[in-house]
Amino acid sequence: MNTRSAAAKRAMDLALTLAALPLALPMMAAIALWVRLDSPGPALFRQQRVGRGGALFRIHKFRTMHLHDGAGPQITAGGDARITRAGSWLRRTKLDELPQLIDVLRGDMSLVGPRPEVPRYMALYDDDVRRQILSVRPGITDRAAIEFRDEERLLAASTDPERTYVQQVMPVKQRYYLDYVARRSVGGRCAHPAGHAAGAGEMNRGQAAGLASAQTRGGYTARPTHNHTPALAHPARTAMNTVAISTVTHRIPPC
């Protein structure tokens, strides 16, 4: 995305967010009160995510889980015992994402764009693919988020939800993300990852090193692949979601 297009998109994000806030704030206040009354703990949850250019930021959400030591998985499958009663409804309706309007105002996010990942999963992407995805601001919603709106249900059916997410879901999301970036690049053409030019989306060495250090945490190790899809050092795949995820794959626009 060139500088002029990025500035126009940022201006639109600010205009729409400022227009929506008067309507959203009363609802956010009511939800915050409900979260506090439903279970002990703060109304908001913050978590480190990877933003534009590899910069780390803390995303804002309504808290949907009981307080815990953070030792559990960084993905959530349906039926997760950590989810509160209020959190179950908020996650189903996606209203837990409303506080991300704050992140849009701060400039960390856009209304539309690739969903921001935690460093551990972002580190699994091929370097060139990661640079393309991080060349734009992450968003509150995008095509991948819509297509995978039932992601928690899909993961709940897996015997290993994290492996299913990394090996089956992430490659599909990657294609959506690259399509989004390509359609907003000069000419709107899909470019090979290797052709990505240095610029706002490039990470500095410190940021790249920080992501690289996240690759091996939790037992998963990224390895490069010729088709630029994330992969694990262990090639075994879970088969339970193949049909459901293949259905989503067929809807991906050609690049």
Protein backbone atom coordinates (compact mmCIF):
# COMPACT_ATOMS: atom_id res chain seq x y z
CA MET A 1 0.00 0.00 0.00
CA ASN A 2 1.49 3.36 -1.02
CA THR A 3 1.73 6.30 1.36
CA ARG A 4 -1.29 8.13 -0.05
CA SER A 5 -3.54 5.06 0.15
CA ALA A 6 -2.35 4.30 3.68
CA ALA A 7 -3.09 7.87 4.77
CA ALA A 8 -6.56 7.74 3.23
CA LYS A 9 -7.31 4.43 4.95
CA ARG A 10 -6.09 5.81 8.27
CA ALA A 11 -8.30 8.89 7.86
CA MET A 12 -11.30 6.67 7.13
CA ASP A 13 -10.54 4.48 10.16
CA LEU A 14 -10.48 7.55 12.41
CA ALA A 15 -13.64 9.06 10.92
CA LEU A 16 -15.66 5.84 11.21
CA THR A 17 -14.36 5.03 14.69
CA LEU A 18 -15.09 8.52 16.04
CA ALA A 19 -18.58 8.33 14.52
CA ALA A 20 -19.23 4.89 16.04
CA LEU A 21 -17.95 5.62 19.54
CA PRO A 22 -20.99 7.61 20.78
CA LEU A 23 -23.15 4.61 19.94
CA ALA A 24 -20.67 2.00 21.13
CA LEU A 25 -19.67 3.53 24.47
CA PRO A 26 -22.99 2.91 26.30
CA MET A 27 -22.95 -0.72 25.14
CA MET A 28 -19.30 -1.08 26.14
CA ALA A 29 -20.05 0.32 29.60
CA ALA A 30 -22.91 -2.17 30.06
CA ILE A 31 -20.76 -5.08 28.89
CA ALA A 32 -17.90 -4.02 31.17
CA LEU A 33 -20.25 -4.00 34.16
CA TRP A 34 -21.62 -7.43 33.22
CA VAL A 35 -18.11 -8.88 32.91
CA ARG A 36 -17.14 -7.53 36.34
CA LEU A 37 -20.31 -8.90 37.97
CA ASP A 38 -20.10 -12.26 36.24
CA SER A 39 -16.65 -13.26 37.54
CA PRO A 40 -13.82 -11.76 39.60
CA GLY A 41 -11.31 -9.72 37.64
CA PRO A 42 -11.03 -6.67 35.38
CA ALA A 43 -13.42 -5.92 32.54
CA LEU A 44 -10.68 -5.69 29.94
CA PHE A 45 -8.10 -8.22 28.82
CA ARG A 46 -4.85 -7.16 27.16
CA GLN A 47 -2.49 -9.43 25.26
CA GLN A 48 0.69 -8.86 23.27
CA ARG A 49 0.22 -9.08 19.51
CA VAL A 50 2.38 -8.38 16.46
CA GLY A 51 1.46 -5.22 14.58
CA ARG A 52 2.55 -3.36 11.48
CA GLY A 53 6.24 -3.68 10.74
CA GLY A 54 6.65 -6.28 13.48
CA ALA A 55 6.03 -3.78 16.28
CA LEU A 56 4.50 -5.38 19.37
CA PHE A 57 1.40 -3.85 20.94
CA ARG A 58 -1.21 -4.85 23.50
CA ILE A 59 -4.62 -5.61 22.05
CA HIS A 60 -7.76 -4.77 24.07
CA LYS A 61 -10.70 -7.14 24.50
CA PHE A 62 -13.41 -7.68 27.04
CA ARG A 63 -12.26 -10.40 29.39
CA THR A 64 -14.00 -13.65 28.53
CA MET A 65 -12.06 -16.04 30.76
CA HIS A 66 -11.58 -16.64 34.45
CA LEU A 67 -8.33 -15.26 35.81
CA HIS A 68 -5.51 -17.78 35.42
CA ASP A 69 -1.74 -17.89 35.36
CA GLY A 70 -1.53 -17.77 31.57
CA ALA A 71 -0.07 -21.27 31.35
CA GLY A 72 -2.79 -22.58 29.02
CA PRO A 73 -2.82 -22.58 25.20
CA GLN A 74 -2.92 -19.27 23.34
CA ILE A 75 -5.79 -20.42 21.18
CA THR A 76 -9.29 -21.17 22.43
CA ALA A 77 -11.48 -24.09 21.42
CA GLY A 78 -15.21 -24.28 22.07
CA GLY A 79 -16.04 -25.60 25.52
CA ASP A 80 -12.80 -24.31 27.06
CA ALA A 81 -13.28 -24.48 30.83
CA ARG A 82 -11.55 -21.11 31.20
CA ILE A 83 -14.42 -19.26 29.48
CA THR A 84 -16.91 -17.45 31.76
CA ARG A 85 -20.67 -17.40 31.31
CA ALA A 86 -20.58 -13.83 30.01
CA GLY A 87 -17.52 -14.67 27.95
CA SER A 88 -19.28 -17.48 26.11
CA TRP A 89 -21.93 -15.09 24.79
CA LEU A 90 -19.42 -12.32 24.07
CA ARG A 91 -17.20 -14.64 22.06
CA ARG A 92 -20.15 -16.05 20.13
CA THR A 93 -21.39 -12.57 19.17
CA LYS A 94 -17.83 -11.17 18.72
CA LEU A 95 -18.71 -8.26 21.01
CA ASP A 96 -15.59 -9.01 23.05
CA GLU A 97 -13.72 -7.29 20.20
CA LEU A 98 -15.42 -3.89 20.72
CA PRO A 99 -12.61 -2.43 22.86
CA GLN A 100 -10.34 -2.72 19.85
CA LEU A 101 -11.82 0.59 18.75
CA ILE A 102 -9.31 1.93 21.27
CA ASP A 103 -6.52 0.23 19.34
CA VAL A 104 -7.78 1.79 16.11
CA LEU A 105 -7.68 5.26 17.66
CA ARG A 106 -4.16 4.62 18.96
CA GLY A 107 -3.02 3.65 15.47
CA ASP A 108 -2.13 0.06 16.38
CA MET A 109 -4.99 -1.40 14.35
CA SER A 110 -7.34 -0.69 11.47
CA LEU A 111 -11.04 -1.48 11.20
CA VAL A 112 -10.30 -3.96 8.39
CA GLY A 113 -7.11 -5.94 8.00
CA PRO A 114 -5.42 -9.25 8.85
CA ARG A 115 -6.13 -10.29 12.42
CA PRO A 116 -3.07 -9.72 14.64
CA GLU A 117 -1.36 -12.88 15.89
CA VAL A 118 0.56 -13.49 19.08
CA PRO A 119 4.35 -13.57 18.50
CA ARG A 120 4.51 -17.34 18.90
CA TYR A 121 2.26 -18.02 15.92
CA MET A 122 3.44 -15.12 13.78
CA ALA A 123 6.96 -16.56 14.05
CA LEU A 124 5.77 -19.71 12.24
CA TYR A 125 5.20 -17.86 8.97
CA ASP A 126 7.85 -17.89 6.27
CA ASP A 127 9.97 -14.71 6.55
CA ASP A 128 8.82 -13.24 3.22
CA VAL A 129 5.17 -13.99 3.91
CA ARG A 130 5.45 -12.49 7.37
CA ARG A 131 6.89 -9.28 5.94
CA GLN A 132 3.97 -8.96 3.54
CA ILE A 133 1.34 -9.57 6.21
CA LEU A 134 3.02 -7.08 8.55
CA SER A 135 3.25 -4.41 5.84
CA VAL A 136 -0.29 -3.29 6.77
CA ARG A 137 -2.02 -2.53 10.05
CA PRO A 138 -3.84 -5.51 11.55
CA GLY A 139 -7.60 -5.17 11.68
CA ILE A 140 -10.62 -5.82 13.86
CA THR A 141 -12.12 -7.94 11.12
CA ASP A 142 -11.31 -9.32 7.68
CA ARG A 143 -12.40 -12.03 5.27
CA ALA A 144 -10.54 -14.74 7.19
CA ALA A 145 -12.29 -13.75 10.45
CA ILE A 146 -15.66 -13.99 8.73
CA GLU A 147 -14.96 -17.33 7.09
CA PHE A 148 -13.57 -18.75 10.34
CA ARG A 149 -16.29 -17.31 12.60
CA ASP A 150 -16.87 -20.86 13.88
CA GLU A 151 -13.17 -21.50 14.44
CA GLU A 152 -13.63 -22.38 18.12
CA ARG A 153 -16.16 -25.06 17.23
CA LEU A 154 -13.81 -26.51 14.61
CA LEU A 155 -10.92 -26.61 17.06
CA ALA A 156 -13.10 -28.18 19.75
CA ALA A 157 -13.54 -31.24 17.55
CA SER A 158 -9.77 -31.78 17.34
CA THR A 159 -7.73 -33.97 19.65
CA ASP A 160 -4.92 -31.42 19.33
CA PRO A 161 -6.47 -27.96 18.73
CA GLU A 162 -3.15 -26.12 18.56
CA ARG A 163 -1.69 -28.45 15.94
CA THR A 164 -4.90 -28.20 13.93
CA TYR A 165 -4.75 -24.40 14.12
CA VAL A 166 -1.12 -24.23 12.99
CA GLN A 167 -1.20 -26.90 10.30
CA GLN A 168 -4.70 -26.46 8.85
CA VAL A 169 -6.17 -23.10 9.80
CA MET A 170 -3.12 -20.83 9.56
CA PRO A 171 -2.26 -21.72 5.93
CA VAL A 172 -5.83 -20.84 4.86
CA LYS A 173 -5.78 -17.58 6.79
CA GLN A 174 -2.41 -16.78 5.26
CA ARG A 175 -3.89 -16.92 1.77
CA TYR A 176 -6.63 -14.49 2.76
CA TYR A 177 -4.08 -12.15 4.34
CA LEU A 178 -1.83 -12.15 1.28
CA ASP A 179 -4.82 -11.54 -0.97
CA TYR A 180 -5.81 -8.55 1.18
CA VAL A 181 -2.30 -7.09 0.99
CA ALA A 182 -2.02 -7.71 -2.75
CA ARG A 183 -5.34 -6.03 -3.53
CA ARG A 184 -4.14 -2.93 -1.72
CA SER A 185 -0.72 -2.80 -3.35
CA VAL A 186 0.10 -0.73 -6.41
CA GLY A 187 -1.78 -2.26 -9.33
CA GLY A 188 -3.68 -4.61 -7.06
CA ARG A 189 -1.75 -7.62 -8.31
CA CYS A 190 -0.66 -10.59 -6.27
CA ALA A 191 3.08 -10.41 -5.88
CA HIS A 192 5.44 -13.27 -5.05
CA PRO A 193 6.60 -12.87 -1.45
CA ALA A 194 10.21 -12.55 -2.58
CA GLY A 195 9.30 -9.43 -4.54
CA HIS A 196 8.23 -7.50 -1.49
CA ALA A 197 10.15 -4.25 -1.30
CA ALA A 198 11.67 -2.89 1.88
CA GLY A 199 9.60 -0.20 3.52
CA ALA A 200 7.11 0.35 6.31
CA GLY A 201 6.41 -3.38 6.49
CA GLU A 202 10.01 -4.41 7.03
CA MET A 203 11.02 -5.46 10.52
CA ASN A 204 14.24 -4.23 12.01
CA ARG A 205 16.74 -6.80 13.25
CA GLY A 206 15.63 -6.54 16.84
CA GLN A 207 11.98 -7.19 15.95
CA ALA A 208 12.91 -10.10 13.71
CA ALA A 209 15.05 -11.59 16.45
CA GLY A 210 12.18 -11.24 18.91
CA LEU A 211 9.86 -13.17 16.64
CA ALA A 212 12.49 -15.78 15.91
CA SER A 213 12.93 -16.43 19.61
CA ALA A 214 9.22 -17.19 19.83
CA GLN A 215 9.43 -19.98 17.25
CA THR A 216 10.53 -22.70 19.62
CA ARG A 217 8.42 -21.76 22.65
CA GLY A 218 5.75 -24.34 23.41
CA GLY A 219 7.46 -27.13 21.47
CA TYR A 220 6.64 -25.94 17.96
CA THR A 221 9.42 -25.09 15.54
CA ALA A 222 8.89 -23.21 12.30
CA ARG A 223 10.56 -24.46 9.14
CA PRO A 224 10.45 -22.83 5.68
CA THR A 225 8.33 -24.34 2.94
CA HIS A 226 8.38 -23.78 -0.81
CA ASN A 227 4.75 -22.70 -0.95
CA HIS A 228 5.23 -20.21 1.92
CA THR A 229 2.75 -21.86 4.27
CA PRO A 230 3.52 -22.31 7.96
CA ALA A 231 4.56 -25.79 8.95
CA LEU A 232 5.73 -27.68 12.00
CA ALA A 233 8.84 -29.74 12.44
CA HIS A 234 6.55 -32.72 13.07
CA PRO A 235 4.51 -33.43 9.89
CA ALA A 236 1.64 -35.37 11.46
CA ARG A 237 -1.75 -33.82 10.74
CA THR A 238 -5.09 -34.10 12.50
CA ALA A 239 -7.79 -35.15 10.06
CA MET A 240 -10.97 -34.11 11.88
CA ASN A 241 -11.38 -30.69 10.30
CA THR A 242 -10.19 -31.46 6.78
CA VAL A 243 -13.66 -31.27 5.22
CA ALA A 244 -14.72 -28.12 7.09
CA ILE A 245 -11.48 -26.26 6.41
CA SER A 246 -11.40 -27.43 2.80
CA THR A 247 -14.82 -25.84 2.37
CA VAL A 248 -13.34 -22.51 3.44
CA THR A 249 -10.31 -23.02 1.20
CA HIS A 250 -12.51 -23.38 -1.89
CA ARG A 251 -13.89 -19.87 -1.26
CA ILE A 252 -10.46 -18.21 -1.27
CA PRO A 253 -10.14 -15.83 -4.25
CA PRO A 254 -7.38 -16.84 -6.66
CA CYS A 255 -4.11 -15.00 -6.26
